[in-house]
Amino acid sequence: MKRLGLILVMATLAACGADGEPERPAKGEKAGITVTGTAKLGIGSR
């Protein structure tokens, strides 16, 4: 289990910054996060 934990920690740290340095949005472009979608919870029949 120690090895698995170490591998998970190392993989997480290796993924940080994988896509490069952060970039500022272009002038006039709105900065922020947009979340869209739907979610359903429950039991149903078709």
PDB file of N, CA and C in Angstrom:
ATOM      1  N   MET A   1       0.818  -1.196   0.000  1.00  0.00           N
ATOM      2  CA  MET A   1       0.000   0.000   0.000  1.00  0.00           C
ATOM      3  C   MET A   1       0.859   1.258   0.000  1.00  0.00           C
ATOM      4  N   LYS A   2       2.006   1.192   0.661  1.00  0.00           N
ATOM      5  CA  LYS A   2       2.877   2.372   0.694  1.00  0.00           C
ATOM      6  C   LYS A   2       3.340   2.726  -0.717  1.00  0.00           C
ATOM      7  N   ARG A   3       3.666   1.706  -1.485  1.00  0.00           N
ATOM      8  CA  ARG A   3       4.137   1.958  -2.858  1.00  0.00           C
ATOM      9  C   ARG A   3       3.032   2.574  -3.709  1.00  0.00           C
ATOM     10  N   LEU A   4       1.820   2.066  -3.569  1.00  0.00           N
ATOM     11  CA  LEU A   4       0.695   2.598  -4.334  1.00  0.00           C
ATOM     12  C   LEU A   4       0.451   4.055  -3.962  1.00  0.00           C
ATOM     13  N   GLY A   5       0.486   4.365  -2.669  1.00  0.00           N
ATOM     14  CA  GLY A   5       0.317   5.746  -2.219  1.00  0.00           C
ATOM     15  C   GLY A   5       1.398   6.655  -2.771  1.00  0.00           C
ATOM     16  N   LEU A   6       2.634   6.174  -2.744  1.00  0.00           N
ATOM     17  CA  LEU A   6       3.744   6.964  -3.271  1.00  0.00           C
ATOM     18  C   LEU A   6       3.584   7.201  -4.772  1.00  0.00           C
ATOM     19  N   ILE A   7       3.155   6.186  -5.487  1.00  0.00           N
ATOM     20  CA  ILE A   7       2.946   6.333  -6.935  1.00  0.00           C
ATOM     21  C   ILE A   7       1.846   7.350  -7.218  1.00  0.00           C
ATOM     22  N   LEU A   8       0.760   7.301  -6.447  1.00  0.00           N
ATOM     23  CA  LEU A   8      -0.333   8.258  -6.645  1.00  0.00           C
ATOM     24  C   LEU A   8       0.114   9.686  -6.352  1.00  0.00           C
ATOM     25  N   VAL A   9       0.879   9.864  -5.289  1.00  0.00           N
ATOM     26  CA  VAL A   9       1.386  11.205  -4.958  1.00  0.00           C
ATOM     27  C   VAL A   9       2.317  11.704  -6.047  1.00  0.00           C
ATOM     28  N   MET A  10       3.203  10.869  -6.524  1.00  0.00           N
ATOM     29  CA  MET A  10       4.149  11.280  -7.567  1.00  0.00           C
ATOM     30  C   MET A  10       3.420  11.601  -8.872  1.00  0.00           C
ATOM     31  N   ALA A  11       2.399  10.821  -9.216  1.00  0.00           N
ATOM     32  CA  ALA A  11       1.639  11.080 -10.437  1.00  0.00           C
ATOM     33  C   ALA A  11       0.893  12.404 -10.334  1.00  0.00           C
ATOM     34  N   THR A  12       0.355  12.689  -9.163  1.00  0.00           N
ATOM     35  CA  THR A  12      -0.356  13.954  -8.965  1.00  0.00           C
ATOM     36  C   THR A  12       0.604  15.128  -9.091  1.00  0.00           C
ATOM     37  N   LEU A  13       1.759  15.020  -8.478  1.00  0.00           N
ATOM     38  CA  LEU A  13       2.743  16.106  -8.562  1.00  0.00           C
ATOM     39  C   LEU A  13       3.272  16.271  -9.982  1.00  0.00           C
ATOM     40  N   ALA A  14       3.427  15.179 -10.700  1.00  0.00           N
ATOM     41  CA  ALA A  14       3.926  15.253 -12.071  1.00  0.00           C
ATOM     42  C   ALA A  14       2.910  15.910 -12.997  1.00  0.00           C
ATOM     43  N   ALA A  15       1.627  15.796 -12.670  1.00  0.00           N
ATOM     44  CA  ALA A  15       0.580  16.368 -13.515  1.00  0.00           C
ATOM     45  C   ALA A  15       0.457  17.877 -13.331  1.00  0.00           C
ATOM     46  N   CYS A  16       0.973  18.416 -12.242  1.00  0.00           N
ATOM     47  CA  CYS A  16       0.889  19.861 -12.004  1.00  0.00           C
ATOM     48  C   CYS A  16       1.694  20.603 -13.074  1.00  0.00           C
ATOM     49  N   GLY A  17       1.055  21.504 -13.765  1.00  0.00           N
ATOM     50  CA  GLY A  17       1.745  22.283 -14.786  1.00  0.00           C
ATOM     51  C   GLY A  17       2.031  21.508 -16.056  1.00  0.00           C
ATOM     52  N   ALA A  18       1.340  20.412 -16.268  1.00  0.00           N
ATOM     53  CA  ALA A  18       1.605  19.578 -17.442  1.00  0.00           C
ATOM     54  C   ALA A  18       1.284  20.309 -18.737  1.00  0.00           C
ATOM     55  N   ASP A  19       0.368  21.256 -18.698  1.00  0.00           N
ATOM     56  CA  ASP A  19      -0.004  21.968 -19.914  1.00  0.00           C
ATOM     57  C   ASP A  19       0.744  23.292 -20.069  1.00  0.00           C
ATOM     58  N   GLY A  20       1.739  23.543 -19.244  1.00  0.00           N
ATOM     59  CA  GLY A  20       2.553  24.753 -19.372  1.00  0.00           C
ATOM     60  C   GLY A  20       2.183  25.818 -18.361  1.00  0.00           C
ATOM     61  N   GLU A  21       2.809  26.953 -18.502  1.00  0.00           N
ATOM     62  CA  GLU A  21       2.575  28.073 -17.605  1.00  0.00           C
ATOM     63  C   GLU A  21       1.177  28.641 -17.812  1.00  0.00           C
ATOM     64  N   PRO A  22       0.584  29.197 -16.757  1.00  0.00           N
ATOM     65  CA  PRO A  22      -0.731  29.827 -16.922  1.00  0.00           C
ATOM     66  C   PRO A  22      -0.641  31.052 -17.825  1.00  0.00           C
ATOM     67  N   GLU A  23      -1.707  31.296 -18.583  1.00  0.00           N
ATOM     68  CA  GLU A  23      -1.737  32.442 -19.491  1.00  0.00           C
ATOM     69  C   GLU A  23      -2.909  33.336 -19.141  1.00  0.00           C
ATOM     70  N   ARG A  24      -2.720  34.648 -19.285  1.00  0.00           N
ATOM     71  CA  ARG A  24      -3.803  35.597 -19.054  1.00  0.00           C
ATOM     72  C   ARG A  24      -4.772  35.547 -20.227  1.00  0.00           C
ATOM     73  N   PRO A  25      -6.061  35.782 -19.955  1.00  0.00           N
ATOM     74  CA  PRO A  25      -7.023  35.837 -21.060  1.00  0.00           C
ATOM     75  C   PRO A  25      -6.752  37.062 -21.938  1.00  0.00           C
ATOM     76  N   ALA A  26      -7.148  36.970 -23.195  1.00  0.00           N
ATOM     77  CA  ALA A  26      -6.967  38.090 -24.118  1.00  0.00           C
ATOM     78  C   ALA A  26      -7.779  39.288 -23.631  1.00  0.00           C
ATOM     79  N   LYS A  27      -7.343  40.474 -24.000  1.00  0.00           N
ATOM     80  CA  LYS A  27      -8.025  41.695 -23.564  1.00  0.00           C
ATOM     81  C   LYS A  27      -9.463  41.675 -24.080  1.00  0.00           C
ATOM     82  N   GLY A  28     -10.410  41.968 -23.216  1.00  0.00           N
ATOM     83  CA  GLY A  28     -11.814  41.964 -23.583  1.00  0.00           C
ATOM     84  C   GLY A  28     -12.492  40.618 -23.385  1.00  0.00           C
ATOM     85  N   GLU A  29     -11.709  39.591 -23.154  1.00  0.00           N
ATOM     86  CA  GLU A  29     -12.266  38.260 -22.934  1.00  0.00           C
ATOM     87  C   GLU A  29     -12.609  38.120 -21.453  1.00  0.00           C
ATOM     88  N   LYS A  30     -13.784  37.576 -21.165  1.00  0.00           N
ATOM     89  CA  LYS A  30     -14.199  37.412 -19.777  1.00  0.00           C
ATOM     90  C   LYS A  30     -13.420  36.276 -19.129  1.00  0.00           C
ATOM     91  N   ALA A  31     -12.911  36.540 -17.951  1.00  0.00           N
ATOM     92  CA  ALA A  31     -12.207  35.506 -17.190  1.00  0.00           C
ATOM     93  C   ALA A  31     -13.191  34.847 -16.240  1.00  0.00           C
ATOM     94  N   GLY A  32     -13.038  33.580 -16.018  1.00  0.00           N
ATOM     95  CA  GLY A  32     -13.905  32.879 -15.081  1.00  0.00           C
ATOM     96  C   GLY A  32     -14.089  31.435 -15.473  1.00  0.00           C
ATOM     97  N   ILE A  33     -14.939  30.791 -14.726  1.00  0.00           N
ATOM     98  CA  ILE A  33     -15.220  29.376 -14.949  1.00  0.00           C
ATOM     99  C   ILE A  33     -16.694  29.220 -15.297  1.00  0.00           C
ATOM    100  N   THR A  34     -16.966  28.434 -16.308  1.00  0.00           N
ATOM    101  CA  THR A  34     -18.338  28.147 -16.696  1.00  0.00           C
ATOM    102  C   THR A  34     -18.580  26.655 -16.561  1.00  0.00           C
ATOM    103  N   VAL A  35     -19.631  26.316 -15.854  1.00  0.00           N
ATOM    104  CA  VAL A  35     -19.992  24.909 -15.694  1.00  0.00           C
ATOM    105  C   VAL A  35     -21.392  24.723 -16.259  1.00  0.00           C
ATOM    106  N   THR A  36     -21.527  23.783 -17.186  1.00  0.00           N
ATOM    107  CA  THR A  36     -22.827  23.507 -17.775  1.00  0.00           C
ATOM    108  C   THR A  36     -23.086  22.006 -17.748  1.00  0.00           C
ATOM    109  N   GLY A  37     -24.332  21.639 -17.870  1.00  0.00           N
ATOM    110  CA  GLY A  37     -24.663  20.222 -17.935  1.00  0.00           C
ATOM    111  C   GLY A  37     -25.908  19.912 -17.136  1.00  0.00           C
ATOM    112  N   THR A  38     -26.228  18.628 -17.080  1.00  0.00           N
ATOM    113  CA  THR A  38     -27.377  18.173 -16.311  1.00  0.00           C
ATOM    114  C   THR A  38     -26.976  16.986 -15.450  1.00  0.00           C
ATOM    115  N   ALA A  39     -27.725  16.781 -14.412  1.00  0.00           N
ATOM    116  CA  ALA A  39     -27.491  15.625 -13.543  1.00  0.00           C
ATOM    117  C   ALA A  39     -28.837  15.085 -13.093  1.00  0.00           C
ATOM    118  N   LYS A  40     -28.936  13.782 -13.060  1.00  0.00           N
ATOM    119  CA  LYS A  40     -30.158  13.139 -12.595  1.00  0.00           C
ATOM    120  C   LYS A  40     -29.772  12.091 -11.563  1.00  0.00           C
ATOM    121  N   LEU A  41     -30.594  11.992 -10.552  1.00  0.00           N
ATOM    122  CA  LEU A  41     -30.337  11.029  -9.493  1.00  0.00           C
ATOM    123  C   LEU A  41     -31.642  10.338  -9.144  1.00  0.00           C
ATOM    124  N   GLY A  42     -31.587   9.050  -9.019  1.00  0.00           N
ATOM    125  CA  GLY A  42     -32.783   8.330  -8.628  1.00  0.00           C
ATOM    126  C   GLY A  42     -32.902   7.000  -9.335  1.00  0.00           C
ATOM    127  N   ILE A  43     -34.042   6.395  -9.163  1.00  0.00           N
ATOM    128  CA  ILE A  43     -34.329   5.100  -9.758  1.00  0.00           C
ATOM    129  C   ILE A  43     -35.441   5.293 -10.776  1.00  0.00           C
ATOM    130  N   GLY A  44     -35.243   4.767 -11.950  1.00  0.00           N
ATOM    131  CA  GLY A  44     -36.260   4.913 -12.982  1.00  0.00           C
ATOM    132  C   GLY A  44     -36.381   3.653 -13.812  1.00  0.00           C
ATOM    133  N   SER A  45     -37.416   3.613 -14.610  1.00  0.00           N
ATOM    134  CA  SER A  45     -37.599   2.484 -15.508  1.00  0.00           C
ATOM    135  C   SER A  45     -37.841   3.043 -16.907  1.00  0.00           C
ATOM    136  N   ARG A  46     -37.515   2.236 -17.864  1.00  0.00           N
ATOM    137  CA  ARG A  46     -37.648   2.690 -19.252  1.00  0.00           C
ATOM    138  C   ARG A  46     -38.802   2.000 -19.905  1.00  0.00           C
TER     139      ARG A  46
END
